[in-house]
Amino acid sequence: SIFPILDLSLFVSLIFLDGVAATAVIPYLTYRIYAVWWGSA
């Protein structure tokens, strides 16, 4: 449950640093949100 917060902060920092890297993190963010839901279930 802590990971999506870390992932979001990484995404925000990557937006300012490297747009390509930030775009690469979007599927990872989606996966992590699903993983928290799946882990809870």
Full PDB file with SEQRES, HELIX, SHEET, SSBOND, CRYST1, ORIGX, SCALE, CONECT and MASTER records, all heavy atoms in Angstrom:
SEQRES   1 A   41  SER ILE PHE PRO ILE LEU ASP LEU SER LEU PHE VAL SER          
SEQRES   2 A   41  LEU ILE PHE LEU ASP GLY VAL ALA ALA THR ALA VAL ILE          
SEQRES   3 A   41  PRO TYR LEU THR TYR ARG ILE TYR ALA VAL TRP TRP GLY          
SEQRES   4 A   41  SER ALA                                                      
HELIX    1 AA1 PHE A    3  LEU A   17  1                                  15    
HELIX    2 AA2 GLY A   19  SER A   40  1                                  22    
CRYST1    1.000    1.000    1.000  90.00  90.00  90.00 P 1           1          
ORIGX1      1.000000  0.000000  0.000000        0.00000                         
ORIGX2      0.000000  1.000000  0.000000        0.00000                         
ORIGX3      0.000000  0.000000  1.000000        0.00000                         
SCALE1      1.000000  0.000000  0.000000        0.00000                         
SCALE2      0.000000  1.000000  0.000000        0.00000                         
SCALE3      0.000000  0.000000  1.000000        0.00000                         
ATOM      1  N   SER A   1       0.821  -1.220   0.000  1.00  0.00           N  
ATOM      2  CA  SER A   1       0.000   0.000   0.000  1.00  0.00           C  
ATOM      3  C   SER A   1       0.849   1.262   0.000  1.00  0.00           C  
ATOM      4  O   SER A   1       0.378   2.327  -0.396  1.00  0.00           O  
ATOM      5  CB  SER A   1      -0.921   0.011   1.218  1.00  0.00           C  
ATOM      6  OG  SER A   1      -1.802  -1.066   1.165  1.00  0.00           O  
ATOM      7  N   ILE A   2       2.077   1.153   0.428  1.00  0.00           N  
ATOM      8  CA  ILE A   2       2.970   2.310   0.454  1.00  0.00           C  
ATOM      9  C   ILE A   2       3.531   2.608  -0.937  1.00  0.00           C  
ATOM     10  O   ILE A   2       3.797   3.761  -1.278  1.00  0.00           O  
ATOM     11  CB  ILE A   2       4.112   2.070   1.466  1.00  0.00           C  
ATOM     12  CG1 ILE A   2       3.519   1.939   2.869  1.00  0.00           C  
ATOM     13  CG2 ILE A   2       5.147   3.168   1.425  1.00  0.00           C  
ATOM     14  CD1 ILE A   2       4.506   1.453   3.900  1.00  0.00           C  
ATOM     15  N   PHE A   3       3.663   1.585  -1.755  1.00  0.00           N  
ATOM     16  CA  PHE A   3       4.296   1.748  -3.058  1.00  0.00           C  
ATOM     17  C   PHE A   3       3.616   2.742  -3.990  1.00  0.00           C  
ATOM     18  O   PHE A   3       4.315   3.500  -4.664  1.00  0.00           O  
ATOM     19  CB  PHE A   3       4.437   0.405  -3.760  1.00  0.00           C  
ATOM     20  CG  PHE A   3       5.662  -0.335  -3.349  1.00  0.00           C  
ATOM     21  CD1 PHE A   3       5.561  -1.487  -2.608  1.00  0.00           C  
ATOM     22  CD2 PHE A   3       6.910   0.111  -3.702  1.00  0.00           C  
ATOM     23  CE1 PHE A   3       6.680  -2.177  -2.226  1.00  0.00           C  
ATOM     24  CE2 PHE A   3       8.047  -0.566  -3.329  1.00  0.00           C  
ATOM     25  CZ  PHE A   3       7.930  -1.714  -2.583  1.00  0.00           C  
ATOM     26  N   PRO A   4       2.296   2.775  -4.113  1.00  0.00           N  
ATOM     27  CA  PRO A   4       1.716   3.774  -5.026  1.00  0.00           C  
ATOM     28  C   PRO A   4       2.071   5.216  -4.656  1.00  0.00           C  
ATOM     29  O   PRO A   4       2.221   6.063  -5.532  1.00  0.00           O  
ATOM     30  CB  PRO A   4       0.207   3.531  -4.924  1.00  0.00           C  
ATOM     31  CG  PRO A   4       0.092   2.102  -4.560  1.00  0.00           C  
ATOM     32  CD  PRO A   4       1.262   1.838  -3.652  1.00  0.00           C  
ATOM     33  N   ILE A   5       2.266   5.487  -3.373  1.00  0.00           N  
ATOM     34  CA  ILE A   5       2.674   6.829  -2.953  1.00  0.00           C  
ATOM     35  C   ILE A   5       4.096   7.110  -3.445  1.00  0.00           C  
ATOM     36  O   ILE A   5       4.378   8.183  -3.990  1.00  0.00           O  
ATOM     37  CB  ILE A   5       2.581   6.966  -1.425  1.00  0.00           C  
ATOM     38  CG1 ILE A   5       1.135   6.788  -0.978  1.00  0.00           C  
ATOM     39  CG2 ILE A   5       3.128   8.310  -0.953  1.00  0.00           C  
ATOM     40  CD1 ILE A   5       0.965   6.573   0.504  1.00  0.00           C  
ATOM     41  N   LEU A   6       4.977   6.127  -3.272  1.00  0.00           N  
ATOM     42  CA  LEU A   6       6.347   6.289  -3.760  1.00  0.00           C  
ATOM     43  C   LEU A   6       6.372   6.396  -5.283  1.00  0.00           C  
ATOM     44  O   LEU A   6       7.111   7.207  -5.850  1.00  0.00           O  
ATOM     45  CB  LEU A   6       7.208   5.114  -3.309  1.00  0.00           C  
ATOM     46  CG  LEU A   6       7.423   4.947  -1.816  1.00  0.00           C  
ATOM     47  CD1 LEU A   6       8.156   3.641  -1.537  1.00  0.00           C  
ATOM     48  CD2 LEU A   6       8.170   6.120  -1.247  1.00  0.00           C  
ATOM     49  N   ASP A   7       5.556   5.567  -5.929  1.00  0.00           N  
ATOM     50  CA  ASP A   7       5.509   5.588  -7.393  1.00  0.00           C  
ATOM     51  C   ASP A   7       5.003   6.926  -7.913  1.00  0.00           C  
ATOM     52  O   ASP A   7       5.509   7.445  -8.909  1.00  0.00           O  
ATOM     53  CB  ASP A   7       4.612   4.472  -7.913  1.00  0.00           C  
ATOM     54  CG  ASP A   7       5.141   3.094  -7.562  1.00  0.00           C  
ATOM     55  OD1 ASP A   7       6.349   2.964  -7.313  1.00  0.00           O  
ATOM     56  OD2 ASP A   7       4.330   2.155  -7.528  1.00  0.00           O  
ATOM     57  N   LEU A   8       4.015   7.473  -7.255  1.00  0.00           N  
ATOM     58  CA  LEU A   8       3.471   8.763  -7.674  1.00  0.00           C  
ATOM     59  C   LEU A   8       4.498   9.880  -7.489  1.00  0.00           C  
ATOM     60  O   LEU A   8       4.645  10.748  -8.352  1.00  0.00           O  
ATOM     61  CB  LEU A   8       2.186   9.075  -6.909  1.00  0.00           C  
ATOM     62  CG  LEU A   8       1.372  10.243  -7.408  1.00  0.00           C  
ATOM     63  CD1 LEU A   8       0.961  10.024  -8.866  1.00  0.00           C  
ATOM     64  CD2 LEU A   8       0.146  10.437  -6.547  1.00  0.00           C  
ATOM     65  N   SER A   9       5.238   9.846  -6.380  1.00  0.00           N  
ATOM     66  CA  SER A   9       6.271  10.862  -6.169  1.00  0.00           C  
ATOM     67  C   SER A   9       7.395  10.715  -7.203  1.00  0.00           C  
ATOM     68  O   SER A   9       7.931  11.714  -7.688  1.00  0.00           O  
ATOM     69  CB  SER A   9       6.828  10.795  -4.750  1.00  0.00           C  
ATOM     70  OG  SER A   9       7.415   9.552  -4.503  1.00  0.00           O  
ATOM     71  N   LEU A  10       7.730   9.481  -7.567  1.00  0.00           N  
ATOM     72  CA  LEU A  10       8.718   9.264  -8.628  1.00  0.00           C  
ATOM     73  C   LEU A  10       8.194   9.800  -9.961  1.00  0.00           C  
ATOM     74  O   LEU A  10       8.923  10.463 -10.698  1.00  0.00           O  
ATOM     75  CB  LEU A  10       9.044   7.782  -8.751  1.00  0.00           C  
ATOM     76  CG  LEU A  10       9.984   7.398  -9.880  1.00  0.00           C  
ATOM     77  CD1 LEU A  10      11.360   8.015  -9.668  1.00  0.00           C  
ATOM     78  CD2 LEU A  10      10.082   5.891 -10.005  1.00  0.00           C  
ATOM     79  N   PHE A  11       6.933   9.539 -10.253  1.00  0.00           N  
ATOM     80  CA  PHE A  11       6.325  10.008 -11.496  1.00  0.00           C  
ATOM     81  C   PHE A  11       6.367  11.532 -11.590  1.00  0.00           C  
ATOM     82  O   PHE A  11       6.736  12.090 -12.631  1.00  0.00           O  
ATOM     83  CB  PHE A  11       4.891   9.495 -11.604  1.00  0.00           C  
ATOM     84  CG  PHE A  11       4.164   9.972 -12.813  1.00  0.00           C  
ATOM     85  CD1 PHE A  11       4.514   9.520 -14.072  1.00  0.00           C  
ATOM     86  CD2 PHE A  11       3.124  10.875 -12.699  1.00  0.00           C  
ATOM     87  CE1 PHE A  11       3.843   9.964 -15.202  1.00  0.00           C  
ATOM     88  CE2 PHE A  11       2.450  11.324 -13.807  1.00  0.00           C  
ATOM     89  CZ  PHE A  11       2.806  10.870 -15.069  1.00  0.00           C  
ATOM     90  N   VAL A  12       6.021  12.203 -10.501  1.00  0.00           N  
ATOM     91  CA  VAL A  12       6.016  13.670 -10.499  1.00  0.00           C  
ATOM     92  C   VAL A  12       7.432  14.203 -10.710  1.00  0.00           C  
ATOM     93  O   VAL A  12       7.641  15.143 -11.486  1.00  0.00           O  
ATOM     94  CB  VAL A  12       5.399  14.211  -9.195  1.00  0.00           C  
ATOM     95  CG1 VAL A  12       5.613  15.705  -9.049  1.00  0.00           C  
ATOM     96  CG2 VAL A  12       3.916  13.887  -9.137  1.00  0.00           C  
ATOM     97  N   SER A  13       8.406  13.611 -10.042  1.00  0.00           N  
ATOM     98  CA  SER A  13       9.777  14.084 -10.232  1.00  0.00           C  
ATOM     99  C   SER A  13      10.268  13.804 -11.653  1.00  0.00           C  
ATOM    100  O   SER A  13      11.005  14.614 -12.233  1.00  0.00           O  
ATOM    101  CB  SER A  13      10.719  13.463  -9.205  1.00  0.00           C  
ATOM    102  OG  SER A  13      10.816  12.090  -9.384  1.00  0.00           O  
ATOM    103  N   LEU A  14       9.857  12.678 -12.230  1.00  0.00           N  
ATOM    104  CA  LEU A  14      10.279  12.365 -13.596  1.00  0.00           C  
ATOM    105  C   LEU A  14       9.627  13.270 -14.632  1.00  0.00           C  
ATOM    106  O   LEU A  14      10.205  13.496 -15.699  1.00  0.00           O  
ATOM    107  CB  LEU A  14       9.979  10.905 -13.919  1.00  0.00           C  
ATOM    108  CG  LEU A  14      10.860   9.875 -13.228  1.00  0.00           C  
ATOM    109  CD1 LEU A  14      10.398   8.473 -13.569  1.00  0.00           C  
ATOM    110  CD2 LEU A  14      12.313  10.075 -13.583  1.00  0.00           C  
ATOM    111  N   ILE A  15       8.449  13.777 -14.345  1.00  0.00           N  
ATOM    112  CA  ILE A  15       7.812  14.728 -15.272  1.00  0.00           C  
ATOM    113  C   ILE A  15       8.727  15.940 -15.483  1.00  0.00           C  
ATOM    114  O   ILE A  15       8.886  16.417 -16.599  1.00  0.00           O  
ATOM    115  CB  ILE A  15       6.423  15.169 -14.746  1.00  0.00           C  
ATOM    116  CG1 ILE A  15       5.429  14.029 -14.906  1.00  0.00           C  
ATOM    117  CG2 ILE A  15       5.932  16.410 -15.468  1.00  0.00           C  
ATOM    118  CD1 ILE A  15       4.073  14.309 -14.288  1.00  0.00           C  
ATOM    119  N   PHE A  16       9.349  16.396 -14.411  1.00  0.00           N  
ATOM    120  CA  PHE A  16      10.228  17.559 -14.513  1.00  0.00           C  
ATOM    121  C   PHE A  16      11.596  17.218 -15.074  1.00  0.00           C  
ATOM    122  O   PHE A  16      12.273  18.066 -15.641  1.00  0.00           O  
ATOM    123  CB  PHE A  16      10.388  18.225 -13.143  1.00  0.00           C  
ATOM    124  CG  PHE A  16       9.121  18.821 -12.626  1.00  0.00           C  
ATOM    125  CD1 PHE A  16       8.463  18.236 -11.559  1.00  0.00           C  
ATOM    126  CD2 PHE A  16       8.572  19.945 -13.211  1.00  0.00           C  
ATOM    127  CE1 PHE A  16       7.284  18.776 -11.075  1.00  0.00           C  
ATOM    128  CE2 PHE A  16       7.399  20.498 -12.740  1.00  0.00           C  
ATOM    129  CZ  PHE A  16       6.753  19.909 -11.659  1.00  0.00           C  
ATOM    130  N   LEU A  17      12.026  15.965 -14.911  1.00  0.00           N  
ATOM    131  CA  LEU A  17      13.372  15.578 -15.330  1.00  0.00           C  
ATOM    132  C   LEU A  17      13.421  14.997 -16.737  1.00  0.00           C  
ATOM    133  O   LEU A  17      14.307  15.333 -17.524  1.00  0.00           O  
ATOM    134  CB  LEU A  17      13.956  14.557 -14.354  1.00  0.00           C  
ATOM    135  CG  LEU A  17      14.253  15.060 -12.959  1.00  0.00           C  
ATOM    136  CD1 LEU A  17      14.644  13.909 -12.054  1.00  0.00           C  
ATOM    137  CD2 LEU A  17      15.361  16.098 -13.005  1.00  0.00           C  
ATOM    138  N   ASP A  18      12.505  14.064 -17.023  1.00  0.00           N  
ATOM    139  CA  ASP A  18      12.589  13.312 -18.278  1.00  0.00           C  
ATOM    140  C   ASP A  18      11.192  12.817 -18.646  1.00  0.00           C  
ATOM    141  O   ASP A  18      10.668  11.904 -18.016  1.00  0.00           O  
ATOM    142  CB  ASP A  18      13.552  12.140 -18.092  1.00  0.00           C  
ATOM    143  CG  ASP A  18      13.857  11.408 -19.367  1.00  0.00           C  
ATOM    144  OD1 ASP A  18      13.297  11.765 -20.419  1.00  0.00           O  
ATOM    145  OD2 ASP A  18      14.665  10.470 -19.322  1.00  0.00           O  
ATOM    146  N   GLY A  19      10.619  13.412 -19.660  1.00  0.00           N  
ATOM    147  CA  GLY A  19       9.257  13.068 -20.067  1.00  0.00           C  
ATOM    148  C   GLY A  19       9.113  11.639 -20.555  1.00  0.00           C  
ATOM    149  O   GLY A  19       8.096  10.989 -20.324  1.00  0.00           O  
ATOM    150  N   VAL A  20      10.134  11.115 -21.229  1.00  0.00           N  
ATOM    151  CA  VAL A  20      10.078   9.736 -21.721  1.00  0.00           C  
ATOM    152  C   VAL A  20      10.063   8.758 -20.554  1.00  0.00           C  
ATOM    153  O   VAL A  20       9.289   7.793 -20.524  1.00  0.00           O  
ATOM    154  CB  VAL A  20      11.272   9.446 -22.665  1.00  0.00           C  
ATOM    155  CG1 VAL A  20      11.308   7.990 -23.073  1.00  0.00           C  
ATOM    156  CG2 VAL A  20      11.207  10.349 -23.879  1.00  0.00           C  
ATOM    157  N   ALA A  21      10.900   9.011 -19.567  1.00  0.00           N  
ATOM    158  CA  ALA A  21      10.929   8.149 -18.392  1.00  0.00           C  
ATOM    159  C   ALA A  21       9.604   8.238 -17.619  1.00  0.00           C  
ATOM    160  O   ALA A  21       9.111   7.238 -17.109  1.00  0.00           O  
ATOM    161  CB  ALA A  21      12.093   8.520 -17.484  1.00  0.00           C  
ATOM    162  N   ALA A  22       9.027   9.434 -17.541  1.00  0.00           N  
ATOM    163  CA  ALA A  22       7.734   9.588 -16.862  1.00  0.00           C  
ATOM    164  C   ALA A  22       6.651   8.808 -17.588  1.00  0.00           C  
ATOM    165  O   ALA A  22       5.799   8.179 -16.958  1.00  0.00           O  
ATOM    166  CB  ALA A  22       7.369  11.067 -16.779  1.00  0.00           C  
ATOM    167  N   THR A  23       6.686   8.820 -18.903  1.00  0.00           N  
ATOM    168  CA  THR A  23       5.713   8.053 -19.682  1.00  0.00           C  
ATOM    169  C   THR A  23       5.885   6.559 -19.451  1.00  0.00           C  
ATOM    170  O   THR A  23       4.901   5.821 -19.392  1.00  0.00           O  
ATOM    171  CB  THR A  23       5.876   8.374 -21.182  1.00  0.00           C  
ATOM    172  OG1 THR A  23       5.769   9.782 -21.359  1.00  0.00           O  
ATOM    173  CG2 THR A  23       4.811   7.689 -22.004  1.00  0.00           C  
ATOM    174  N   ALA A  24       7.115   6.118 -19.279  1.00  0.00           N  
ATOM    175  CA  ALA A  24       7.380   4.698 -19.039  1.00  0.00           C  
ATOM    176  C   ALA A  24       6.844   4.233 -17.691  1.00  0.00           C  
ATOM    177  O   ALA A  24       6.579   3.052 -17.500  1.00  0.00           O  
ATOM    178  CB  ALA A  24       8.870   4.420 -19.128  1.00  0.00           C  
ATOM    179  N   VAL A  25       6.667   5.152 -16.755  1.00  0.00           N  
ATOM    180  CA  VAL A  25       6.201   4.797 -15.416  1.00  0.00           C  
ATOM    181  C   VAL A  25       4.672   4.656 -15.360  1.00  0.00           C  
ATOM    182  O   VAL A  25       4.147   4.014 -14.452  1.00  0.00           O  
ATOM    183  CB  VAL A  25       6.705   5.837 -14.393  1.00  0.00           C  
ATOM    184  CG1 VAL A  25       6.124   5.629 -13.017  1.00  0.00           C  
ATOM    185  CG2 VAL A  25       8.217   5.795 -14.312  1.00  0.00           C  
ATOM    186  N   ILE A  26       3.949   5.192 -16.321  1.00  0.00           N  
ATOM    187  CA  ILE A  26       2.482   5.163 -16.285  1.00  0.00           C  
ATOM    188  C   ILE A  26       1.919   3.743 -16.219  1.00  0.00           C  
ATOM    189  O   ILE A  26       1.068   3.464 -15.363  1.00  0.00           O  
ATOM    190  CB  ILE A  26       1.887   5.968 -17.462  1.00  0.00           C  
ATOM    191  CG1 ILE A  26       2.187   7.448 -17.268  1.00  0.00           C  
ATOM    192  CG2 ILE A  26       0.385   5.737 -17.576  1.00  0.00           C  
ATOM    193  CD1 ILE A  26       1.813   8.308 -18.442  1.00  0.00           C  
ATOM    194  N   PRO A  27       2.364   2.792 -17.040  1.00  0.00           N  
ATOM    195  CA  PRO A  27       1.848   1.425 -16.879  1.00  0.00           C  
ATOM    196  C   PRO A  27       2.217   0.816 -15.532  1.00  0.00           C  
ATOM    197  O   PRO A  27       1.448   0.051 -14.953  1.00  0.00           O  
ATOM    198  CB  PRO A  27       2.507   0.642 -18.021  1.00  0.00           C  
ATOM    199  CG  PRO A  27       2.953   1.656 -18.992  1.00  0.00           C  
ATOM    200  CD  PRO A  27       3.210   2.901 -18.219  1.00  0.00           C  
ATOM    201  N   TYR A  28       3.377   1.167 -15.028  1.00  0.00           N  
ATOM    202  CA  TYR A  28       3.809   0.677 -13.722  1.00  0.00           C  
ATOM    203  C   TYR A  28       2.893   1.212 -12.623  1.00  0.00           C  
ATOM    204  O   TYR A  28       2.513   0.472 -11.710  1.00  0.00           O  
ATOM    205  CB  TYR A  28       5.255   1.113 -13.494  1.00  0.00           C  
ATOM    206  CG  TYR A  28       5.888   0.557 -12.252  1.00  0.00           C  
ATOM    207  CD1 TYR A  28       6.146  -0.798 -12.131  1.00  0.00           C  
ATOM    208  CD2 TYR A  28       6.260   1.386 -11.209  1.00  0.00           C  
ATOM    209  CE1 TYR A  28       6.749  -1.309 -11.005  1.00  0.00           C  
ATOM    210  CE2 TYR A  28       6.862   0.894 -10.085  1.00  0.00           C  
ATOM    211  CZ  TYR A  28       7.100  -0.456  -9.986  1.00  0.00           C  
ATOM    212  OH  TYR A  28       7.693  -0.964  -8.863  1.00  0.00           O  
ATOM    213  N   LEU A  29       2.515   2.486 -12.704  1.00  0.00           N  
ATOM    214  CA  LEU A  29       1.571   3.060 -11.742  1.00  0.00           C  
ATOM    215  C   LEU A  29       0.229   2.340 -11.789  1.00  0.00           C  
ATOM    216  O   LEU A  29      -0.363   2.032 -10.758  1.00  0.00           O  
ATOM    217  CB  LEU A  29       1.345   4.549 -12.024  1.00  0.00           C  
ATOM    218  CG  LEU A  29       2.386   5.517 -11.529  1.00  0.00           C  
ATOM    219  CD1 LEU A  29       2.135   6.895 -12.124  1.00  0.00           C  
ATOM    220  CD2 LEU A  29       2.370   5.587 -10.035  1.00  0.00           C  
ATOM    221  N   THR A  30      -0.242   2.074 -12.982  1.00  0.00           N  
ATOM    222  CA  THR A  30      -1.513   1.366 -13.147  1.00  0.00           C  
ATOM    223  C   THR A  30      -1.430  -0.030 -12.543  1.00  0.00           C  
ATOM    224  O   THR A  30      -2.339  -0.454 -11.829  1.00  0.00           O  
ATOM    225  CB  THR A  30      -1.875   1.274 -14.641  1.00  0.00           C  
ATOM    226  OG1 THR A  30      -1.832   2.576 -15.209  1.00  0.00           O  
ATOM    227  CG2 THR A  30      -3.240   0.667 -14.833  1.00  0.00           C  
ATOM    228  N   TYR A  31      -0.332  -0.704 -12.802  1.00  0.00           N  
ATOM    229  CA  TYR A  31      -0.136  -2.037 -12.234  1.00  0.00           C  
ATOM    230  C   TYR A  31      -0.113  -1.987 -10.714  1.00  0.00           C  
ATOM    231  O   TYR A  31      -0.693  -2.841 -10.045  1.00  0.00           O  
ATOM    232  CB  TYR A  31       1.170  -2.651 -12.759  1.00  0.00           C  
ATOM    233  CG  TYR A  31       1.710  -3.725 -11.874  1.00  0.00           C  
ATOM    234  CD1 TYR A  31       1.114  -4.983 -11.829  1.00  0.00           C  
ATOM    235  CD2 TYR A  31       2.813  -3.489 -11.050  1.00  0.00           C  
ATOM    236  CE1 TYR A  31       1.600  -5.963 -10.994  1.00  0.00           C  
ATOM    237  CE2 TYR A  31       3.300  -4.470 -10.221  1.00  0.00           C  
ATOM    238  CZ  TYR A  31       2.695  -5.705 -10.190  1.00  0.00           C  
ATOM    239  OH  TYR A  31       3.177  -6.663  -9.356  1.00  0.00           O  
ATOM    240  N   ARG A  32       0.556  -1.012 -10.126  1.00  0.00           N  
ATOM    241  CA  ARG A  32       0.681  -0.941  -8.669  1.00  0.00           C  
ATOM    242  C   ARG A  32      -0.665  -0.693  -8.002  1.00  0.00           C  
ATOM    243  O   ARG A  32      -0.937  -1.245  -6.943  1.00  0.00           O  
ATOM    244  CB  ARG A  32       1.662   0.153  -8.291  1.00  0.00           C  
ATOM    245  CG  ARG A  32       3.053  -0.161  -8.697  1.00  0.00           C  
ATOM    246  CD  ARG A  32       3.505  -1.431  -8.088  1.00  0.00           C  
ATOM    247  NE  ARG A  32       4.324  -1.098  -6.955  1.00  0.00           N  
ATOM    248  CZ  ARG A  32       4.911  -1.984  -6.202  1.00  0.00           C  
ATOM    249  NH1 ARG A  32       4.768  -3.246  -6.452  1.00  0.00           N  
ATOM    250  NH2 ARG A  32       5.640  -1.607  -5.196  1.00  0.00           N  
ATOM    251  N   ILE A  33      -1.497   0.131  -8.604  1.00  0.00           N  
ATOM    252  CA  ILE A  33      -2.827   0.374  -8.039  1.00  0.00           C  
ATOM    253  C   ILE A  33      -3.637  -0.912  -8.076  1.00  0.00           C  
ATOM    254  O   ILE A  33      -4.297  -1.279  -7.103  1.00  0.00           O  
ATOM    255  CB  ILE A  33      -3.524   1.531  -8.782  1.00  0.00           C  
ATOM    256  CG1 ILE A  33      -2.780   2.834  -8.501  1.00  0.00           C  
ATOM    257  CG2 ILE A  33      -4.987   1.634  -8.390  1.00  0.00           C  
ATOM    258  CD1 ILE A  33      -3.182   3.985  -9.373  1.00  0.00           C  
ATOM    259  N   TYR A  34      -3.566  -1.628  -9.184  1.00  0.00           N  
ATOM    260  CA  TYR A  34      -4.238  -2.925  -9.283  1.00  0.00           C  
ATOM    261  C   TYR A  34      -3.661  -3.916  -8.266  1.00  0.00           C  
ATOM    262  O   TYR A  34      -4.399  -4.678  -7.645  1.00  0.00           O  
ATOM    263  CB  TYR A  34      -4.106  -3.481 -10.704  1.00  0.00           C  
ATOM    264  CG  TYR A  34      -4.551  -4.914 -10.811  1.00  0.00           C  
ATOM    265  CD1 TYR A  34      -5.906  -5.239 -10.785  1.00  0.00           C  
ATOM    266  CD2 TYR A  34      -3.624  -5.947 -10.897  1.00  0.00           C  
ATOM    267  CE1 TYR A  34      -6.312  -6.564 -10.863  1.00  0.00           C  
ATOM    268  CE2 TYR A  34      -4.027  -7.263 -10.980  1.00  0.00           C  
ATOM    269  CZ  TYR A  34      -5.369  -7.572 -10.955  1.00  0.00           C  
ATOM    270  OH  TYR A  34      -5.770  -8.875 -11.023  1.00  0.00           O  
ATOM    271  N   ALA A  35      -2.350  -3.906  -8.075  1.00  0.00           N  
ATOM    272  CA  ALA A  35      -1.710  -4.846  -7.152  1.00  0.00           C  
ATOM    273  C   ALA A  35      -2.164  -4.607  -5.714  1.00  0.00           C  
ATOM    274  O   ALA A  35      -2.332  -5.566  -4.947  1.00  0.00           O  
ATOM    275  CB  ALA A  35      -0.193  -4.731  -7.258  1.00  0.00           C  
ATOM    276  N   VAL A  36      -2.370  -3.355  -5.329  1.00  0.00           N  
ATOM    277  CA  VAL A  36      -2.860  -3.066  -3.972  1.00  0.00           C  
ATOM    278  C   VAL A  36      -4.280  -3.586  -3.823  1.00  0.00           C  
ATOM    279  O   VAL A  36      -4.620  -4.210  -2.807  1.00  0.00           O  
ATOM    280  CB  VAL A  36      -2.786  -1.555  -3.668  1.00  0.00           C  
ATOM    281  CG1 VAL A  36      -3.521  -1.217  -2.385  1.00  0.00           C  
ATOM    282  CG2 VAL A  36      -1.339  -1.113  -3.584  1.00  0.00           C  
ATOM    283  N   TRP A  37      -5.107  -3.368  -4.820  1.00  0.00           N  
ATOM    284  CA  TRP A  37      -6.479  -3.884  -4.762  1.00  0.00           C  
ATOM    285  C   TRP A  37      -6.469  -5.408  -4.692  1.00  0.00           C  
ATOM    286  O   TRP A  37      -7.185  -6.009  -3.889  1.00  0.00           O  
ATOM    287  CB  TRP A  37      -7.263  -3.412  -5.989  1.00  0.00           C  
ATOM    288  CG  TRP A  37      -8.602  -4.063  -6.101  1.00  0.00           C  
ATOM    289  CD1 TRP A  37      -9.741  -3.710  -5.425  1.00  0.00           C  
ATOM    290  CD2 TRP A  37      -8.931  -5.202  -6.892  1.00  0.00           C  
ATOM    291  NE1 TRP A  37     -10.753  -4.569  -5.768  1.00  0.00           N  
ATOM    292  CE2 TRP A  37     -10.286  -5.490  -6.668  1.00  0.00           C  
ATOM    293  CE3 TRP A  37      -8.215  -5.993  -7.780  1.00  0.00           C  
ATOM    294  CZ2 TRP A  37     -10.936  -6.538  -7.289  1.00  0.00           C  
ATOM    295  CZ3 TRP A  37      -8.856  -7.041  -8.398  1.00  0.00           C  
ATOM    296  CH2 TRP A  37     -10.199  -7.305  -8.151  1.00  0.00           C  
ATOM    297  N   TRP A  38      -5.661  -6.048  -5.519  1.00  0.00           N  
ATOM    298  CA  TRP A  38      -5.582  -7.499  -5.550  1.00  0.00           C  
ATOM    299  C   TRP A  38      -5.025  -8.045  -4.236  1.00  0.00           C  
ATOM    300  O   TRP A  38      -5.500  -9.048  -3.711  1.00  0.00           O  
ATOM    301  CB  TRP A  38      -4.718  -7.935  -6.728  1.00  0.00           C  
ATOM    302  CG  TRP A  38      -4.640  -9.415  -6.892  1.00  0.00           C  
ATOM    303  CD1 TRP A  38      -5.585 -10.221  -7.416  1.00  0.00           C  
ATOM    304  CD2 TRP A  38      -3.556 -10.255  -6.511  1.00  0.00           C  
ATOM    305  NE1 TRP A  38      -5.150 -11.522  -7.402  1.00  0.00           N  
ATOM    306  CE2 TRP A  38      -3.907 -11.580  -6.848  1.00  0.00           C  
ATOM    307  CE3 TRP A  38      -2.316 -10.020  -5.929  1.00  0.00           C  
ATOM    308  CZ2 TRP A  38      -3.063 -12.649  -6.617  1.00  0.00           C  
ATOM    309  CZ3 TRP A  38      -1.482 -11.090  -5.708  1.00  0.00           C  
ATOM    310  CH2 TRP A  38      -1.864 -12.388  -6.049  1.00  0.00           C  
ATOM    311  N   GLY A  39      -4.019  -7.388  -3.683  1.00  0.00           N  
ATOM    312  CA  GLY A  39      -3.454  -7.805  -2.398  1.00  0.00           C  
ATOM    313  C   GLY A  39      -4.447  -7.706  -1.273  1.00  0.00           C  
ATOM    314  O   GLY A  39      -4.499  -8.570  -0.386  1.00  0.00           O  
ATOM    315  N   SER A  40      -5.270  -6.671  -1.298  1.00  0.00           N  
ATOM    316  CA  SER A  40      -6.318  -6.527  -0.286  1.00  0.00           C  
ATOM    317  C   SER A  40      -7.339  -7.651  -0.396  1.00  0.00           C  
ATOM    318  O   SER A  40      -7.740  -8.251   0.611  1.00  0.00           O  
ATOM    319  CB  SER A  40      -7.005  -5.169  -0.451  1.00  0.00           C  
ATOM    320  OG  SER A  40      -8.141  -5.086   0.368  1.00  0.00           O  
ATOM    321  N   ALA A  41      -7.759  -7.946  -1.606  1.00  0.00           N  
ATOM    322  CA  ALA A  41      -8.736  -9.026  -1.809  1.00  0.00           C  
ATOM    323  C   ALA A  41      -8.152 -10.377  -1.412  1.00  0.00           C  
ATOM    324  O   ALA A  41      -8.832 -11.195  -0.773  1.00  0.00           O  
ATOM    325  CB  ALA A  41      -9.183  -9.048  -3.269  1.00  0.00           C  
TER     326      ALA A  41                                                      
MASTER        0    0    0    2    0    0    0    6  325    1    0    4          
END                                                                             
